[in-house]
């Protein structure tokens, strides 16, 4: 079993640019007719699609177009070299929501927010 998450975004081009430039993902598939794209890095797969072009009877409609994105969800990316990724994000100029911190539960992480408001925690053991 593998996991692919799908993010409904207001601007797919902007989202793809964020995940490529800030986090090092690569686009592996595009379906321009649907404004759907698949990006990947290592074993992480993310589908990026247009919220406006989502199907009318989708479970998230109509709130998908008006509500805060990702509310109640934290996207956690586990990496081998947290300092390398942290410095990569800092170098990109993208704002860091919570800086690199060693947590009481033994993990080290930092947190960022993507252009649509999806909350990402990048962590390492």
N, C-alpha and C. Protein backbone atom coordinates (compact mmCIF):
# COMPACT_ATOMS: atom_id res chain seq x y z
N UNK A 1 0.84 -1.17 0.00
CA UNK A 1 0.00 0.00 0.00
C UNK A 1 0.89 1.24 0.00
N UNK A 2 0.50 2.22 -0.76
CA UNK A 2 1.18 3.51 -0.76
C UNK A 2 0.15 4.59 -0.46
N UNK A 3 0.63 5.76 -0.16
CA UNK A 3 -0.25 6.87 0.15
C UNK A 3 0.02 8.02 -0.80
N UNK A 4 -1.04 8.57 -1.35
CA UNK A 4 -0.96 9.80 -2.13
C UNK A 4 -2.05 10.70 -1.57
N UNK A 5 -1.67 11.91 -1.21
CA UNK A 5 -2.68 12.86 -0.78
C UNK A 5 -2.99 13.79 -1.94
N UNK A 6 -4.18 14.36 -1.94
CA UNK A 6 -4.56 15.32 -2.97
C UNK A 6 -4.90 16.64 -2.30
N UNK A 7 -4.32 17.69 -2.83
CA UNK A 7 -4.57 19.03 -2.32
C UNK A 7 -5.37 19.81 -3.35
N UNK A 8 -6.49 20.35 -2.91
CA UNK A 8 -7.31 21.20 -3.77
C UNK A 8 -6.82 22.63 -3.57
N UNK A 9 -6.34 23.24 -4.65
CA UNK A 9 -5.67 24.53 -4.54
C UNK A 9 -6.36 25.61 -5.37
N UNK A 10 -6.07 26.85 -5.01
CA UNK A 10 -6.64 27.97 -5.76
C UNK A 10 -5.83 28.29 -7.01
N UNK A 11 -4.56 27.86 -7.05
CA UNK A 11 -3.68 28.13 -8.18
C UNK A 11 -2.68 26.97 -8.29
N UNK A 12 -2.94 26.03 -9.17
CA UNK A 12 -2.09 24.84 -9.25
C UNK A 12 -0.65 25.18 -9.63
N UNK A 13 -0.48 26.14 -10.51
CA UNK A 13 0.87 26.52 -10.93
C UNK A 13 1.68 27.03 -9.73
N UNK A 14 1.06 27.88 -8.93
CA UNK A 14 1.73 28.43 -7.74
C UNK A 14 2.06 27.31 -6.75
N UNK A 15 1.14 26.37 -6.57
CA UNK A 15 1.37 25.27 -5.64
C UNK A 15 2.51 24.37 -6.10
N UNK A 16 2.51 24.02 -7.38
CA UNK A 16 3.58 23.19 -7.92
C UNK A 16 4.92 23.89 -7.75
N UNK A 17 4.97 25.17 -8.04
CA UNK A 17 6.20 25.94 -7.88
C UNK A 17 6.68 25.90 -6.43
N UNK A 18 5.77 26.04 -5.49
CA UNK A 18 6.13 25.98 -4.07
C UNK A 18 6.76 24.63 -3.73
N UNK A 19 6.08 23.55 -4.06
CA UNK A 19 6.58 22.22 -3.68
C UNK A 19 7.88 21.87 -4.41
N UNK A 20 8.06 22.37 -5.63
CA UNK A 20 9.31 22.12 -6.35
C UNK A 20 10.45 22.96 -5.79
N UNK A 21 10.25 24.26 -5.68
CA UNK A 21 11.34 25.16 -5.30
C UNK A 21 11.65 25.15 -3.81
N UNK A 22 10.63 25.00 -2.99
CA UNK A 22 10.85 25.06 -1.54
C UNK A 22 11.20 23.69 -0.96
N UNK A 23 10.54 22.63 -1.44
CA UNK A 23 10.73 21.31 -0.83
C UNK A 23 11.37 20.27 -1.75
N UNK A 24 11.69 20.63 -2.99
CA UNK A 24 12.42 19.73 -3.86
C UNK A 24 11.62 18.62 -4.52
N UNK A 25 10.31 18.78 -4.61
CA UNK A 25 9.48 17.80 -5.32
C UNK A 25 9.69 17.95 -6.82
N UNK A 26 9.32 16.91 -7.56
CA UNK A 26 9.37 16.93 -9.03
C UNK A 26 8.00 16.57 -9.57
N UNK A 27 7.60 17.27 -10.64
CA UNK A 27 6.33 16.94 -11.29
C UNK A 27 6.52 15.68 -12.10
N UNK A 28 5.65 14.69 -11.90
CA UNK A 28 5.77 13.43 -12.63
C UNK A 28 4.59 13.17 -13.55
N UNK A 29 3.52 13.94 -13.42
CA UNK A 29 2.34 13.73 -14.25
C UNK A 29 1.52 15.00 -14.30
N UNK A 30 1.01 15.32 -15.49
CA UNK A 30 0.09 16.45 -15.65
C UNK A 30 -1.07 16.04 -16.53
N UNK A 31 -2.25 16.43 -16.13
CA UNK A 31 -3.48 16.25 -16.92
C UNK A 31 -4.08 17.64 -17.09
N UNK A 32 -3.59 18.41 -18.07
CA UNK A 32 -4.02 19.80 -18.23
C UNK A 32 -5.53 19.98 -18.39
N UNK A 33 -6.21 19.02 -19.02
CA UNK A 33 -7.65 19.16 -19.21
C UNK A 33 -8.40 19.26 -17.88
N UNK A 34 -7.84 18.64 -16.85
CA UNK A 34 -8.47 18.64 -15.53
C UNK A 34 -7.74 19.54 -14.54
N UNK A 35 -6.63 20.15 -14.98
CA UNK A 35 -5.75 20.92 -14.10
C UNK A 35 -5.34 20.07 -12.89
N UNK A 36 -4.94 18.83 -13.19
CA UNK A 36 -4.48 17.89 -12.16
C UNK A 36 -3.01 17.56 -12.42
N UNK A 37 -2.23 17.54 -11.34
CA UNK A 37 -0.80 17.28 -11.46
C UNK A 37 -0.37 16.39 -10.30
N UNK A 38 0.62 15.56 -10.55
CA UNK A 38 1.15 14.70 -9.51
C UNK A 38 2.62 15.04 -9.33
N UNK A 39 3.00 15.31 -8.09
CA UNK A 39 4.39 15.60 -7.77
C UNK A 39 4.89 14.54 -6.80
N UNK A 40 6.21 14.37 -6.77
CA UNK A 40 6.76 13.30 -5.95
C UNK A 40 8.16 13.67 -5.47
N UNK A 41 8.47 13.17 -4.30
CA UNK A 41 9.84 13.22 -3.78
C UNK A 41 10.01 11.99 -2.90
N UNK A 42 11.00 11.20 -3.22
CA UNK A 42 11.23 9.93 -2.52
C UNK A 42 9.94 9.11 -2.55
N UNK A 43 9.38 8.78 -1.41
CA UNK A 43 8.16 7.97 -1.36
C UNK A 43 6.91 8.80 -1.06
N UNK A 44 6.99 10.09 -1.25
CA UNK A 44 5.85 10.98 -0.98
C UNK A 44 5.25 11.39 -2.32
N UNK A 45 3.95 11.19 -2.46
CA UNK A 45 3.24 11.54 -3.69
C UNK A 45 2.09 12.47 -3.34
N UNK A 46 2.02 13.58 -4.05
CA UNK A 46 0.96 14.57 -3.81
C UNK A 46 0.29 14.90 -5.13
N UNK A 47 -1.02 14.79 -5.13
CA UNK A 47 -1.81 15.26 -6.26
C UNK A 47 -2.21 16.69 -6.00
N UNK A 48 -2.02 17.53 -6.99
CA UNK A 48 -2.40 18.94 -6.88
C UNK A 48 -3.44 19.21 -7.94
N UNK A 49 -4.59 19.68 -7.50
CA UNK A 49 -5.69 19.91 -8.43
C UNK A 49 -6.38 21.23 -8.12
N UNK A 50 -7.09 21.73 -9.09
CA UNK A 50 -7.80 22.99 -8.94
C UNK A 50 -9.08 22.80 -8.14
N UNK A 51 -9.25 23.59 -7.10
CA UNK A 51 -10.50 23.55 -6.33
C UNK A 51 -11.67 23.95 -7.20
N UNK A 52 -11.46 24.91 -8.10
CA UNK A 52 -12.54 25.38 -8.97
C UNK A 52 -12.99 24.31 -9.95
N UNK A 53 -12.07 23.44 -10.35
CA UNK A 53 -12.40 22.43 -11.35
C UNK A 53 -12.77 21.08 -10.74
N UNK A 54 -12.89 21.03 -9.42
CA UNK A 54 -13.26 19.76 -8.79
C UNK A 54 -14.68 19.40 -9.21
N UNK A 55 -14.96 18.12 -9.21
CA UNK A 55 -16.27 17.68 -9.69
C UNK A 55 -17.38 18.20 -8.79
N UNK A 56 -18.51 18.51 -9.40
CA UNK A 56 -19.62 19.14 -8.69
C UNK A 56 -20.13 18.33 -7.52
N UNK A 57 -20.14 17.02 -7.63
CA UNK A 57 -20.69 16.20 -6.56
C UNK A 57 -19.62 15.68 -5.60
N UNK A 58 -18.45 16.31 -5.60
CA UNK A 58 -17.38 15.89 -4.70
C UNK A 58 -17.81 16.11 -3.25
N UNK A 59 -17.36 15.26 -2.37
CA UNK A 59 -17.70 15.31 -0.95
C UNK A 59 -17.43 16.69 -0.34
N UNK A 60 -16.37 17.35 -0.77
CA UNK A 60 -15.97 18.63 -0.18
C UNK A 60 -16.74 19.84 -0.71
N UNK A 61 -17.52 19.67 -1.75
CA UNK A 61 -18.27 20.78 -2.32
C UNK A 61 -19.44 21.13 -1.44
N UNK A 62 -19.90 22.35 -1.30
CA UNK A 62 -19.34 23.59 -1.84
C UNK A 62 -18.29 24.22 -0.93
N UNK A 63 -18.09 23.66 0.28
CA UNK A 63 -17.17 24.26 1.24
C UNK A 63 -15.74 24.35 0.71
N UNK A 64 -15.40 23.49 -0.23
CA UNK A 64 -14.06 23.45 -0.80
C UNK A 64 -13.63 24.81 -1.33
N UNK A 65 -14.57 25.57 -1.86
CA UNK A 65 -14.24 26.85 -2.47
C UNK A 65 -14.20 28.00 -1.47
N UNK A 66 -14.73 27.81 -0.27
CA UNK A 66 -14.85 28.93 0.65
C UNK A 66 -14.17 28.73 1.99
N UNK A 67 -13.89 27.51 2.39
CA UNK A 67 -13.36 27.28 3.74
C UNK A 67 -11.84 27.25 3.76
N UNK A 68 -11.32 27.35 4.96
CA UNK A 68 -9.88 27.30 5.17
C UNK A 68 -9.35 25.92 4.80
N UNK A 69 -8.28 25.88 4.04
CA UNK A 69 -7.73 24.63 3.54
C UNK A 69 -7.01 23.85 4.64
N UNK A 70 -7.23 22.55 4.66
CA UNK A 70 -6.50 21.66 5.54
C UNK A 70 -6.83 21.78 7.01
N UNK A 71 -7.89 22.46 7.36
CA UNK A 71 -8.23 22.65 8.76
C UNK A 71 -8.35 21.30 9.46
N UNK A 72 -7.61 21.13 10.53
CA UNK A 72 -7.63 19.88 11.28
C UNK A 72 -6.68 18.82 10.76
N UNK A 73 -5.89 19.16 9.75
CA UNK A 73 -4.95 18.21 9.17
C UNK A 73 -3.54 18.79 9.20
N UNK A 74 -2.59 17.97 9.59
CA UNK A 74 -1.19 18.36 9.56
C UNK A 74 -0.48 17.38 8.63
N UNK A 75 0.12 17.89 7.58
CA UNK A 75 0.87 17.04 6.65
C UNK A 75 2.28 16.90 7.22
N UNK A 76 2.66 15.68 7.54
CA UNK A 76 3.96 15.43 8.17
C UNK A 76 4.88 14.75 7.17
N UNK A 77 6.02 15.38 6.92
CA UNK A 77 7.03 14.82 6.03
C UNK A 77 8.23 14.42 6.88
N UNK A 78 8.53 13.13 6.94
CA UNK A 78 9.69 12.65 7.69
C UNK A 78 10.89 12.60 6.75
N UNK A 79 11.98 13.23 7.18
CA UNK A 79 13.18 13.32 6.36
C UNK A 79 14.38 12.77 7.14
N UNK A 80 15.42 12.38 6.40
CA UNK A 80 16.63 11.87 7.04
C UNK A 80 17.50 12.99 7.59
N UNK A 81 17.62 14.09 6.84
CA UNK A 81 18.52 15.18 7.22
C UNK A 81 17.70 16.46 7.40
N UNK A 82 17.19 16.66 8.60
CA UNK A 82 16.30 17.79 8.88
C UNK A 82 17.01 19.13 8.67
N UNK A 83 18.27 19.22 9.04
CA UNK A 83 18.99 20.49 8.90
C UNK A 83 19.18 20.86 7.43
N UNK A 84 19.43 19.87 6.58
CA UNK A 84 19.57 20.12 5.15
C UNK A 84 18.27 20.70 4.58
N UNK A 85 17.14 20.08 4.92
CA UNK A 85 15.85 20.55 4.41
C UNK A 85 15.51 21.91 5.00
N UNK A 86 15.78 22.10 6.28
CA UNK A 86 15.51 23.39 6.93
C UNK A 86 16.28 24.51 6.23
N UNK A 87 17.56 24.27 5.96
CA UNK A 87 18.37 25.28 5.27
C UNK A 87 17.90 25.50 3.84
N UNK A 88 17.44 24.45 3.19
CA UNK A 88 16.89 24.56 1.83
C UNK A 88 15.65 25.46 1.84
N UNK A 89 14.77 25.27 2.81
CA UNK A 89 13.56 26.09 2.91
C UNK A 89 13.93 27.54 3.22
N UNK A 90 14.85 27.74 4.17
CA UNK A 90 15.29 29.10 4.50
C UNK A 90 15.88 29.79 3.28
N UNK A 91 16.71 29.08 2.54
CA UNK A 91 17.36 29.64 1.35
C UNK A 91 16.33 30.04 0.29
N UNK A 92 15.23 29.30 0.22
CA UNK A 92 14.18 29.61 -0.77
C UNK A 92 13.48 30.93 -0.47
N UNK A 93 13.59 31.40 0.77
CA UNK A 93 12.92 32.64 1.16
C UNK A 93 11.49 32.46 1.63
N UNK A 94 11.00 31.21 1.60
CA UNK A 94 9.63 30.97 2.07
C UNK A 94 9.59 31.12 3.59
N UNK A 95 8.55 31.76 4.12
CA UNK A 95 8.47 31.96 5.58
C UNK A 95 8.39 30.63 6.35
N UNK A 96 9.06 30.61 7.48
CA UNK A 96 9.01 29.46 8.38
C UNK A 96 8.03 29.80 9.49
N UNK A 97 7.02 28.98 9.66
CA UNK A 97 5.99 29.24 10.67
C UNK A 97 6.52 28.98 12.08
N UNK A 98 7.17 27.83 12.28
CA UNK A 98 7.82 27.49 13.55
C UNK A 98 9.23 27.02 13.23
N UNK A 99 10.25 27.62 13.86
CA UNK A 99 11.63 27.27 13.53
C UNK A 99 12.01 25.86 13.97
N UNK A 100 13.16 25.44 13.52
CA UNK A 100 13.70 24.12 13.86
C UNK A 100 13.79 23.98 15.38
N UNK A 101 13.13 22.94 15.91
CA UNK A 101 13.02 22.76 17.35
C UNK A 101 13.13 21.29 17.71
N UNK A 102 13.91 21.00 18.76
CA UNK A 102 13.97 19.64 19.32
C UNK A 102 12.79 19.52 20.29
N UNK A 103 11.89 18.59 20.01
CA UNK A 103 10.67 18.43 20.81
C UNK A 103 10.90 17.50 22.00
N UNK A 104 10.08 17.67 23.04
CA UNK A 104 10.17 16.83 24.24
C UNK A 104 9.98 15.35 23.94
N UNK A 105 9.24 15.04 22.89
CA UNK A 105 8.96 13.64 22.55
C UNK A 105 10.06 13.01 21.70
N UNK A 106 11.18 13.74 21.50
CA UNK A 106 12.34 13.15 20.86
C UNK A 106 12.55 13.46 19.39
N UNK A 107 11.60 14.13 18.76
CA UNK A 107 11.74 14.47 17.34
C UNK A 107 12.20 15.92 17.20
N UNK A 108 12.82 16.20 16.07
CA UNK A 108 13.20 17.56 15.72
C UNK A 108 12.38 17.93 14.50
N UNK A 109 11.79 19.13 14.52
CA UNK A 109 10.97 19.52 13.37
C UNK A 109 10.91 21.03 13.20
N UNK A 110 10.36 21.42 12.06
CA UNK A 110 9.97 22.80 11.82
C UNK A 110 8.69 22.76 11.02
N UNK A 111 7.99 23.91 10.99
CA UNK A 111 6.68 23.93 10.35
C UNK A 111 6.58 25.10 9.37
N UNK A 112 5.92 24.83 8.25
CA UNK A 112 5.67 25.86 7.24
C UNK A 112 4.22 25.73 6.77
N UNK A 113 3.76 26.73 6.06
CA UNK A 113 2.41 26.73 5.50
C UNK A 113 2.53 26.96 4.00
N UNK A 114 1.86 26.12 3.22
CA UNK A 114 1.95 26.27 1.76
C UNK A 114 1.07 27.44 1.30
N UNK A 115 1.14 27.82 0.03
CA UNK A 115 0.41 29.00 -0.45
C UNK A 115 -1.10 28.96 -0.26
N UNK A 116 -1.68 27.77 -0.11
CA UNK A 116 -3.12 27.66 0.11
C UNK A 116 -3.49 27.49 1.58
N UNK A 117 -2.51 27.49 2.45
CA UNK A 117 -2.79 27.37 3.87
C UNK A 117 -2.68 25.96 4.43
N UNK A 118 -2.22 25.00 3.62
CA UNK A 118 -1.99 23.66 4.15
C UNK A 118 -0.77 23.69 5.06
N UNK A 119 -0.90 23.12 6.25
CA UNK A 119 0.11 23.17 7.30
C UNK A 119 1.02 21.95 7.20
N UNK A 120 2.32 22.18 7.07
CA UNK A 120 3.27 21.09 6.91
C UNK A 120 4.27 21.07 8.06
N UNK A 121 4.46 19.88 8.63
CA UNK A 121 5.49 19.68 9.64
C UNK A 121 6.56 18.80 9.01
N UNK A 122 7.78 19.32 8.97
CA UNK A 122 8.91 18.55 8.45
C UNK A 122 9.69 18.08 9.66
N UNK A 123 9.89 16.77 9.77
CA UNK A 123 10.41 16.19 11.00
C UNK A 123 11.47 15.13 10.73
N UNK A 124 12.28 14.87 11.74
CA UNK A 124 13.31 13.85 11.67
C UNK A 124 13.47 13.23 13.06
N UNK A 125 13.83 11.97 13.08
CA UNK A 125 14.00 11.28 14.37
C UNK A 125 15.36 11.52 14.97
